[in-house]
Amino acid sequence: MQSTVDFDTIYAQDLVYVPGCWQLCGNANCCSFSRQKDRFRLMGSAGAQELPLLPGEFAYLQSRDLLGQFGDYQHRVAEYRFGGRVLSIESLISRNPGCACAHATRTTVCRLYPFLPVFDLDRAVVGVERLGIYEVLEDLAGEGRICQVDTIPEGERVKFTAIAGAIAADPVAAFYADAYRIAQTHARQRLVQLKGDRQTDIYSVFEMAVLRQRLIDHAALGAELETRVRALEERHGALGLAA
């Protein structure tokens, strides 16, 4: 199914939760997450930032001649199969020093961070969750968050709502946002299980889980995604995700 996301609307929203927020964390950490990556002993940071993309977002960036901002980038496309369905998961990997992209033309995920809209089955926004696995690791470690943004100011809510609305208007894009949230929650639960009662640093648990391909229980995650797809399709018709 071809993406119908209104990226012009998304990219017109200069959503800034706190002016100069990079000064609150001290180093614009969300542009690299270097302070979290430095906790890994084996994976390292490799000087790269991977930005998840919505369906159709890479094509939009390409059509607007906006890919040059990412430098010597890599466009990664992976398939995730579950229940006879397939998700095409796209991301953009940049090795730019500092921020991966320019502020004015930053990607959807960069505009939304640190919040992810939560949609109900009618694709209405019913809340927000913290966005990203590093937020999960900080929480499980019991540490204070590096990102000090903790609310959406009244004056910025119209911009957040505009971005969320543009995502929700495309049923497949809305499901991708759902899938990201579901996968993030699943990863959190897996980390808790893998750590158990051991007095082990959660960053080490995460690193070993990734390297040993144990972070995701694919049968369990696939079942969760299938449940969500079926509920959405009962209301809105087929999403076009058949393999």
Protein backbone atom coordinates (compact mmCIF):
# COMPACT_ATOMS: atom_id res chain seq x y z
CA MET A 1 0.00 0.00 0.00
CA GLN A 2 1.38 3.38 -1.03
CA SER A 3 1.93 5.89 1.77
CA THR A 4 -0.53 8.79 1.94
CA VAL A 5 1.15 10.54 4.86
CA ASP A 6 1.07 14.33 4.50
CA PHE A 7 4.75 14.91 5.11
CA ASP A 8 4.46 18.54 4.03
CA THR A 9 2.32 19.11 7.12
CA ILE A 10 4.72 17.19 9.36
CA TYR A 11 7.81 18.99 8.08
CA ALA A 12 6.10 22.37 8.46
CA GLN A 13 5.83 21.88 12.24
CA ASP A 14 8.81 23.34 14.06
CA LEU A 15 7.93 21.49 17.24
CA VAL A 16 10.26 22.68 20.00
CA TYR A 17 9.23 21.64 23.50
CA VAL A 18 11.77 23.89 25.23
CA PRO A 19 13.78 26.56 23.38
CA GLY A 20 17.47 25.69 23.61
CA CYS A 21 16.65 22.34 25.21
CA TRP A 22 20.09 21.04 24.20
CA GLN A 23 21.47 23.21 26.99
CA LEU A 24 19.42 21.31 29.58
CA CYS A 25 21.19 18.03 28.82
CA GLY A 26 24.41 19.87 28.03
CA ASN A 27 25.33 18.34 24.68
CA ALA A 28 22.23 17.89 22.47
CA ASN A 29 22.35 14.24 23.51
CA CYS A 30 19.31 13.22 21.44
CA CYS A 31 21.30 13.95 18.28
CA SER A 32 23.72 11.12 19.05
CA PHE A 33 22.74 9.38 22.33
CA SER A 34 26.48 9.20 22.87
CA ARG A 35 26.19 9.25 26.66
CA GLN A 36 24.09 6.09 26.63
CA LYS A 37 26.14 4.41 23.90
CA ASP A 38 29.32 5.04 25.87
CA ARG A 39 27.94 2.62 28.48
CA PHE A 40 28.28 -0.30 26.07
CA ARG A 41 31.50 -2.29 26.24
CA LEU A 42 31.21 -4.32 23.04
CA MET A 43 28.80 -2.64 20.65
CA GLY A 44 30.23 0.85 20.90
CA SER A 45 28.65 3.86 19.25
CA ALA A 46 30.43 3.59 15.88
CA GLY A 47 29.76 7.29 15.43
CA ALA A 48 26.42 6.61 13.74
CA GLN A 49 22.84 7.60 14.41
CA GLU A 50 19.98 5.46 13.07
CA LEU A 51 16.70 7.30 12.51
CA PRO A 52 13.52 5.22 12.09
CA LEU A 53 11.36 6.44 9.21
CA LEU A 54 7.64 6.33 8.58
CA PRO A 55 6.41 4.52 5.45
CA GLY A 56 7.06 6.83 2.52
CA GLU A 57 9.34 9.19 4.45
CA PHE A 58 12.53 8.26 2.61
CA ALA A 59 10.79 8.84 -0.72
CA TYR A 60 9.59 12.21 0.57
CA LEU A 61 13.09 13.24 1.62
CA GLN A 62 14.37 12.13 -1.76
CA SER A 63 11.67 14.03 -3.67
CA ARG A 64 12.44 17.23 -1.75
CA ASP A 65 16.19 16.87 -2.26
CA LEU A 66 16.72 16.68 1.51
CA LEU A 67 18.99 13.64 1.70
CA GLY A 68 22.22 15.60 1.34
CA GLN A 69 21.92 16.82 4.93
CA PHE A 70 22.65 13.29 6.18
CA GLY A 71 26.09 13.14 4.58
CA ASP A 72 27.31 9.69 3.56
CA TYR A 73 24.10 8.02 4.70
CA GLN A 74 22.79 4.47 4.48
CA HIS A 75 19.14 3.71 3.71
CA ARG A 76 18.33 0.50 5.57
CA VAL A 77 15.25 -1.56 4.71
CA ALA A 78 14.38 -4.68 6.71
CA GLU A 79 11.35 -6.94 6.71
CA TYR A 80 9.60 -8.11 9.85
CA ARG A 81 7.21 -11.00 9.28
CA PHE A 82 4.43 -12.12 11.60
CA GLY A 83 1.17 -14.01 11.15
CA GLY A 84 1.33 -14.05 7.35
CA ARG A 85 2.05 -10.31 7.26
CA VAL A 86 5.14 -8.29 6.61
CA LEU A 87 6.30 -4.88 7.78
CA SER A 88 8.88 -3.07 5.69
CA ILE A 89 10.94 -1.22 8.29
CA GLU A 90 12.98 1.67 6.96
CA SER A 91 15.65 3.70 8.70
CA LEU A 92 18.30 6.18 7.74
CA ILE A 93 21.81 5.86 9.16
CA SER A 94 23.95 8.97 9.27
CA ARG A 95 27.55 9.27 10.39
CA ASN A 96 27.52 13.04 10.55
CA PRO A 97 29.39 14.36 13.58
CA GLY A 98 26.91 15.87 16.01
CA CYS A 99 23.36 16.03 14.69
CA ALA A 100 22.39 13.68 11.88
CA CYS A 101 20.16 16.24 10.18
CA ALA A 102 19.49 19.97 9.95
CA HIS A 103 16.99 21.37 12.45
CA ALA A 104 14.64 22.84 9.84
CA THR A 105 14.42 19.63 7.82
CA ARG A 106 14.74 17.04 10.59
CA THR A 107 12.88 13.76 10.34
CA THR A 108 9.54 12.96 11.97
CA VAL A 109 11.10 11.03 14.83
CA CYS A 110 13.45 13.93 15.56
CA ARG A 111 10.52 16.35 15.68
CA LEU A 112 8.54 14.14 18.07
CA TYR A 113 11.32 13.07 20.45
CA PRO A 114 11.05 12.48 23.38
CA PHE A 115 7.33 11.73 22.96
CA LEU A 116 5.47 9.16 20.87
CA PRO A 117 1.72 9.63 20.29
CA VAL A 118 -0.47 6.76 21.45
CA PHE A 119 -3.48 6.05 19.21
CA ASP A 120 -6.70 4.23 20.03
CA LEU A 121 -8.40 1.93 17.52
CA ASP A 122 -10.06 4.95 15.89
CA ARG A 123 -6.60 6.50 15.47
CA ALA A 124 -7.33 9.31 17.91
CA VAL A 125 -4.48 10.42 20.17
CA VAL A 126 -5.19 9.20 23.70
CA GLY A 127 -1.82 9.85 25.30
CA VAL A 128 1.94 9.89 24.86
CA GLU A 129 4.80 7.61 25.84
CA ARG A 130 8.52 8.24 26.09
CA LEU A 131 10.14 7.47 22.77
CA GLY A 132 13.19 5.26 22.34
CA ILE A 133 15.05 2.33 23.84
CA TYR A 134 17.51 4.61 25.63
CA GLU A 135 14.63 6.12 27.60
CA VAL A 136 13.70 2.56 28.59
CA LEU A 137 17.25 1.78 29.71
CA GLU A 138 17.46 4.96 31.79
CA ASP A 139 14.18 4.14 33.50
CA LEU A 140 15.14 0.53 34.24
CA ALA A 141 18.52 1.68 35.55
CA GLY A 142 16.72 3.97 37.99
CA GLU A 143 18.71 6.92 36.76
CA GLY A 144 17.57 10.43 36.06
CA ARG A 145 16.77 11.12 32.44
CA ILE A 146 19.39 12.87 30.35
CA CYS A 147 16.61 14.52 28.33
CA GLN A 148 15.02 17.04 30.68
CA VAL A 149 11.90 17.60 28.55
CA ASP A 150 9.00 16.11 30.50
CA THR A 151 5.88 17.82 29.14
CA ILE A 152 4.39 19.27 25.98
CA PRO A 153 3.84 23.00 26.59
CA GLU A 154 0.42 24.38 25.73
CA GLY A 155 1.81 26.48 22.90
CA GLU A 156 3.43 23.46 21.22
CA ARG A 157 0.50 21.07 21.49
CA VAL A 158 -1.06 22.26 18.24
CA LYS A 159 2.17 21.31 16.43
CA PHE A 160 2.36 17.92 18.14
CA THR A 161 -1.30 17.34 17.29
CA ALA A 162 -0.68 18.30 13.65
CA ILE A 163 2.14 15.76 13.36
CA ALA A 164 0.15 13.05 15.13
CA GLY A 165 -2.88 13.83 12.97
CA ALA A 166 -0.86 13.50 9.77
CA ILE A 167 0.36 10.09 10.94
CA ALA A 168 -3.11 8.99 12.04
CA ALA A 169 -4.65 9.96 8.69
CA ASP A 170 -2.70 7.15 7.04
CA PRO A 171 -3.82 3.82 8.56
CA VAL A 172 -0.56 2.04 7.78
CA ALA A 173 1.59 4.83 9.24
CA ALA A 174 -0.59 4.84 12.35
CA PHE A 175 -0.03 1.11 12.73
CA TYR A 176 3.72 1.58 12.34
CA ALA A 177 3.60 4.01 15.26
CA ASP A 178 1.58 1.41 17.18
CA ALA A 179 4.08 -1.29 16.24
CA TYR A 180 7.02 0.81 17.44
CA ARG A 181 5.30 1.38 20.77
CA ILE A 182 4.37 -2.30 21.12
CA ALA A 183 7.92 -3.41 20.27
CA GLN A 184 9.39 -0.92 22.74
CA THR A 185 7.13 -2.20 25.53
CA HIS A 186 7.99 -5.77 24.57
CA ALA A 187 11.72 -5.00 24.72
CA ARG A 188 11.29 -3.46 28.15
CA GLN A 189 9.52 -6.57 29.44
CA ARG A 190 12.19 -8.81 27.95
CA LEU A 191 14.95 -6.81 29.63
CA VAL A 192 13.22 -7.16 32.99
CA GLN A 193 12.94 -10.93 32.43
CA LEU A 194 16.54 -11.32 31.28
CA LYS A 195 17.92 -9.34 34.18
CA GLY A 196 15.84 -11.10 36.80
CA ASP A 197 17.27 -10.66 40.30
CA ARG A 198 20.87 -10.35 39.15
CA GLN A 199 22.81 -7.31 40.28
CA THR A 200 23.76 -6.55 36.71
CA ASP A 201 23.89 -3.24 34.91
CA ILE A 202 20.86 -2.99 32.61
CA TYR A 203 23.04 -1.62 29.81
CA SER A 204 25.07 -4.84 29.93
CA VAL A 205 21.88 -6.89 29.88
CA PHE A 206 20.68 -4.98 26.82
CA GLU A 207 24.02 -5.30 25.05
CA MET A 208 24.20 -9.06 25.59
CA ALA A 209 20.56 -9.47 24.56
CA VAL A 210 21.19 -7.64 21.29
CA LEU A 211 24.43 -9.46 20.51
CA ARG A 212 22.89 -12.86 21.30
CA GLN A 213 19.65 -12.00 19.47
CA ARG A 214 17.56 -12.53 22.59
CA LEU A 215 16.05 -9.08 23.04
CA ILE A 216 12.93 -9.97 21.07
CA ASP A 217 10.73 -13.03 21.57
CA HIS A 218 9.50 -13.02 17.99
CA ALA A 219 6.60 -15.40 18.59
CA ALA A 220 5.29 -13.25 21.44
CA LEU A 221 5.85 -9.94 19.66
CA GLY A 222 4.31 -11.27 16.47
CA ALA A 223 1.21 -12.33 18.39
CA GLU A 224 0.90 -8.85 19.93
CA LEU A 225 1.24 -7.18 16.54
CA GLU A 226 -1.27 -9.57 14.97
CA THR A 227 -3.80 -8.80 17.70
CA ARG A 228 -3.46 -5.08 17.02
CA VAL A 229 -3.72 -5.47 13.25
CA ARG A 230 -6.85 -7.58 13.50
CA ALA A 231 -8.51 -5.09 15.83
CA LEU A 232 -7.69 -2.25 13.42
CA GLU A 233 -8.83 -4.18 10.36
CA GLU A 234 -12.15 -5.05 11.97
CA ARG A 235 -12.86 -1.32 12.15
CA HIS A 236 -11.13 0.09 9.09
CA GLY A 237 -10.60 -2.72 6.59
CA ALA A 238 -7.43 -4.40 5.37
CA LEU A 239 -4.16 -2.57 5.97
CA GLY A 240 -2.45 -4.24 3.02
CA LEU A 241 0.25 -5.94 5.06
CA ALA A 242 -0.20 -9.45 3.67
CA ALA A 243 3.12 -11.12 2.84
